[in-house]
Amino acid sequence: MAHFNGNSRMRVVVLTGPESTGKSWLAKDLQRHFGGLLVSEYVREFIDAEKRDTCFADVPVIARCQLMQEDAARQRQPELLILDTNLLSNVLWSRTLFNDCPEWMEAELLTRQYDQYLLLSPEGVPWVADGQRCQPEPKQRHAFYQACRSWLNYHQQPMTEITGSWSHRQAYTRDLVAQLLTR
C-alpha cells in the first residue's frame, strides 16, 4: 500500500463515465493501493435488492442514498475518499433513461467539492454484460461519455480523461492519485 504525504486535508476522487469502462475495478484498485475510503455505486445495491429495473420514481431514492453514503464517508475525514460514481451519474442516467431529472439533484451536486474526476472512456475496452448494464452499443456509451465530459467542462470541474487498455488505465489512475496526494 502506498503511503500518504501526511497532509491531513481530505482528497476526493470520483470515477465517472459510461458503464463497463472499469470504474468499480479501478476504484477498488485505488483503495487497495492507497488506502482511504471507498463509496460504491448505490444503484447496483438498489437493483440487487429490488430485483427489477429502475423507474423514474426511483431516481430521488437512489440519489439520496448515494449522497447519504458519500456524506457518511466524508464525516470520517479520510485523507483519500474514492467515489465509484457520484450524483453526476444519477443526473445523467436519469436524463438518459427518462428524459427528465429532479431539479434538486444537479443543484446539490454543484454544492459539493471534488478534487479530481477521472472520466473513463469507452474506447479500447469491451462492453461486458453483468445483468444490470443497458448500453451495449458503442454509440450509446460514447454519447454518455460525451454527456459526462460536457457537464464537467461546462461546470469547470477538475477532470482527467482515462483511456487505453486496462493496464494503462490502472497505471495512469494510480499516477494521478499519487500526484493528488502530494499536493
Protein backbone atom coordinates (compact mmCIF):
# COMPACT_ATOMS: atom_id res chain seq x y z
CA MET A 1 0.00 0.00 0.00
CA ALA A 2 1.31 3.45 -0.90
CA HIS A 3 1.81 5.98 1.87
CA PHE A 4 0.27 9.43 2.07
CA ASN A 5 2.35 12.58 2.40
CA GLY A 6 0.98 13.36 5.84
CA ASN A 7 -1.14 16.25 4.62
CA SER A 8 -4.39 15.92 6.55
CA ARG A 9 -6.71 17.56 4.01
CA MET A 10 -9.19 15.09 2.57
CA ARG A 11 -8.87 14.49 -1.18
CA VAL A 12 -11.99 13.35 -3.03
CA VAL A 13 -11.63 11.41 -6.29
CA VAL A 14 -14.66 10.49 -8.42
CA LEU A 15 -14.62 7.80 -11.08
CA THR A 16 -17.25 8.55 -13.69
CA GLY A 17 -18.22 7.71 -17.24
CA PRO A 18 -20.24 5.14 -19.14
CA GLU A 19 -20.82 1.61 -17.95
CA SER A 20 -18.25 -1.13 -18.46
CA THR A 21 -15.24 1.20 -18.53
CA GLY A 22 -13.59 -0.03 -15.34
CA LYS A 23 -14.87 2.41 -12.72
CA SER A 24 -15.58 -0.12 -9.97
CA TRP A 25 -12.44 -2.14 -10.70
CA LEU A 26 -10.25 0.97 -10.65
CA ALA A 27 -11.93 2.33 -7.51
CA LYS A 28 -11.16 -0.92 -5.68
CA ASP A 29 -7.63 -0.92 -7.06
CA LEU A 30 -7.05 2.64 -5.85
CA GLN A 31 -8.28 1.73 -2.38
CA ARG A 32 -6.04 -1.36 -2.24
CA HIS A 33 -3.07 0.69 -3.43
CA PHE A 34 -3.54 3.91 -1.41
CA GLY A 35 -5.96 3.02 1.37
CA GLY A 36 -8.65 5.57 2.12
CA LEU A 37 -12.39 5.03 1.98
CA LEU A 38 -14.34 3.73 -0.99
CA VAL A 39 -18.01 4.55 -1.60
CA SER A 40 -19.62 2.16 -4.06
CA GLU A 41 -22.27 2.91 -6.65
CA TYR A 42 -25.55 2.66 -4.72
CA VAL A 43 -27.80 1.95 -7.72
CA ARG A 44 -26.24 -1.52 -8.01
CA GLU A 45 -27.34 -2.32 -4.44
CA PHE A 46 -30.80 -0.94 -5.20
CA ILE A 47 -31.27 -3.09 -8.31
CA ASP A 48 -29.98 -6.19 -6.49
CA ALA A 49 -32.40 -5.60 -3.60
CA GLU A 50 -35.45 -4.69 -5.72
CA LYS A 51 -34.79 -7.32 -8.41
CA ARG A 52 -36.15 -5.07 -11.16
CA ASP A 53 -35.14 -2.25 -13.45
CA THR A 54 -35.36 1.26 -12.09
CA CYS A 55 -38.13 3.71 -12.93
CA PHE A 56 -38.21 7.50 -12.71
CA ALA A 57 -39.82 7.38 -9.24
CA ASP A 58 -36.70 5.52 -8.00
CA VAL A 59 -34.28 8.26 -9.08
CA PRO A 60 -34.62 10.50 -5.99
CA VAL A 61 -34.39 7.50 -3.65
CA ILE A 62 -31.25 6.23 -5.36
CA ALA A 63 -29.71 9.72 -5.43
CA ARG A 64 -30.42 10.35 -1.74
CA CYS A 65 -28.92 7.01 -0.74
CA GLN A 66 -25.81 7.72 -2.86
CA LEU A 67 -25.50 11.10 -1.12
CA MET A 68 -26.01 9.57 2.34
CA GLN A 69 -23.18 7.11 1.72
CA GLU A 70 -20.91 9.87 0.43
CA ASP A 71 -21.76 12.12 3.38
CA ALA A 72 -21.11 9.34 5.90
CA ALA A 73 -17.69 8.76 4.35
CA ARG A 74 -16.91 12.50 4.31
CA GLN A 75 -17.77 12.68 8.03
CA ARG A 76 -14.94 10.23 8.69
CA GLN A 77 -12.46 12.65 7.03
CA PRO A 78 -10.18 10.10 5.36
CA GLU A 79 -7.14 11.50 3.61
CA LEU A 80 -8.45 9.86 0.42
CA LEU A 81 -12.12 9.39 -0.41
CA ILE A 82 -12.73 7.35 -3.57
CA LEU A 83 -16.20 7.59 -5.09
CA ASP A 84 -17.17 4.85 -7.54
CA THR A 85 -19.51 7.39 -9.13
CA ASN A 86 -21.38 10.27 -7.56
CA LEU A 87 -24.54 12.26 -8.12
CA LEU A 88 -23.37 13.20 -11.65
CA SER A 89 -24.07 9.64 -12.81
CA ASN A 90 -27.53 9.77 -11.22
CA VAL A 91 -28.29 13.06 -13.00
CA LEU A 92 -27.08 11.88 -16.40
CA TRP A 93 -28.64 8.40 -16.17
CA SER A 94 -31.96 9.98 -15.20
CA ARG A 95 -31.80 12.19 -18.28
CA THR A 96 -30.63 9.31 -20.49
CA LEU A 97 -33.25 6.78 -19.38
CA PHE A 98 -36.21 9.02 -18.53
CA ASN A 99 -35.55 12.33 -20.35
CA ASP A 100 -36.01 14.06 -17.00
CA CYS A 101 -34.21 14.64 -13.72
CA PRO A 102 -35.38 16.02 -10.38
CA GLU A 103 -34.18 19.64 -10.26
CA TRP A 104 -32.65 19.42 -6.79
CA MET A 105 -30.09 16.81 -7.89
CA GLU A 106 -27.91 18.98 -10.12
CA ALA A 107 -28.13 21.88 -7.67
CA GLU A 108 -26.99 19.57 -4.85
CA LEU A 109 -24.15 18.21 -6.96
CA LEU A 110 -22.84 21.72 -7.58
CA THR A 111 -22.61 22.43 -3.82
CA ARG A 112 -20.05 19.64 -3.36
CA GLN A 113 -16.29 19.84 -3.74
CA TYR A 114 -14.42 17.15 -5.65
CA ASP A 115 -10.66 17.30 -6.14
CA GLN A 116 -10.48 15.15 -9.25
CA TYR A 117 -12.91 13.50 -11.62
CA LEU A 118 -11.48 10.55 -13.51
CA LEU A 119 -13.61 10.29 -16.67
CA LEU A 120 -13.29 6.82 -18.15
CA SER A 121 -13.60 6.49 -21.91
CA PRO A 122 -15.43 3.57 -23.54
CA GLU A 123 -12.75 3.45 -26.27
CA GLY A 124 -10.41 0.48 -26.21
CA VAL A 125 -12.26 -1.67 -23.69
CA PRO A 126 -15.04 -4.19 -24.33
CA TRP A 127 -18.57 -3.89 -23.02
CA VAL A 128 -19.28 -6.76 -20.59
CA ALA A 129 -22.82 -7.73 -19.66
CA ASP A 130 -23.45 -8.10 -15.93
CA GLY A 131 -27.24 -8.24 -15.68
CA GLN A 132 -27.56 -4.51 -14.88
CA ARG A 133 -25.85 -2.77 -17.78
CA CYS A 134 -28.06 -1.48 -20.58
CA GLN A 135 -25.83 0.21 -23.18
CA PRO A 136 -24.06 -2.49 -25.19
CA GLU A 137 -23.75 -0.32 -28.31
CA PRO A 138 -20.55 1.73 -28.61
CA LYS A 139 -22.59 4.69 -29.88
CA GLN A 140 -24.68 4.73 -26.67
CA ARG A 141 -21.64 4.51 -24.43
CA HIS A 142 -19.86 7.23 -26.38
CA ALA A 143 -22.92 9.51 -26.08
CA PHE A 144 -22.94 9.01 -22.30
CA TYR A 145 -19.21 9.71 -22.18
CA GLN A 146 -19.73 12.94 -24.12
CA ALA A 147 -22.57 13.95 -21.76
CA CYS A 148 -20.23 13.44 -18.77
CA ARG A 149 -17.42 15.35 -20.47
CA SER A 150 -19.71 18.22 -21.49
CA TRP A 151 -21.16 18.57 -17.99
CA LEU A 152 -17.73 18.52 -16.34
CA ASN A 153 -16.31 21.06 -18.79
CA TYR A 154 -19.36 23.34 -18.56
CA HIS A 155 -19.17 23.37 -14.76
CA GLN A 156 -15.37 23.71 -14.78
CA GLN A 157 -14.79 20.60 -12.72
CA PRO A 158 -11.25 19.18 -12.36
CA MET A 159 -11.21 16.28 -14.79
CA THR A 160 -8.75 13.91 -16.40
CA GLU A 161 -9.84 11.59 -19.19
CA ILE A 162 -8.77 7.96 -18.81
CA THR A 163 -8.28 5.93 -21.99
CA GLY A 164 -6.37 2.91 -23.21
CA SER A 165 -6.02 -0.68 -22.11
CA TRP A 166 -6.88 -1.96 -18.65
CA SER A 167 -3.23 -1.91 -17.59
CA HIS A 168 -2.78 1.64 -18.89
CA ARG A 169 -5.90 2.81 -17.04
CA GLN A 170 -4.63 1.26 -13.83
CA ALA A 171 -1.15 2.77 -14.06
CA TYR A 172 -2.44 6.20 -15.11
CA THR A 173 -5.08 6.45 -12.36
CA ARG A 174 -2.53 5.40 -9.75
CA ASP A 175 -0.13 8.09 -11.00
CA LEU A 176 -2.85 10.74 -10.94
CA VAL A 177 -3.95 9.88 -7.41
CA ALA A 178 -0.35 9.77 -6.20
CA GLN A 179 0.16 13.29 -7.59
CA LEU A 180 -3.08 14.47 -5.99
CA LEU A 181 -2.00 13.16 -2.58
CA THR A 182 1.30 15.05 -2.69
CA ARG A 183 -0.32 18.44 -3.38
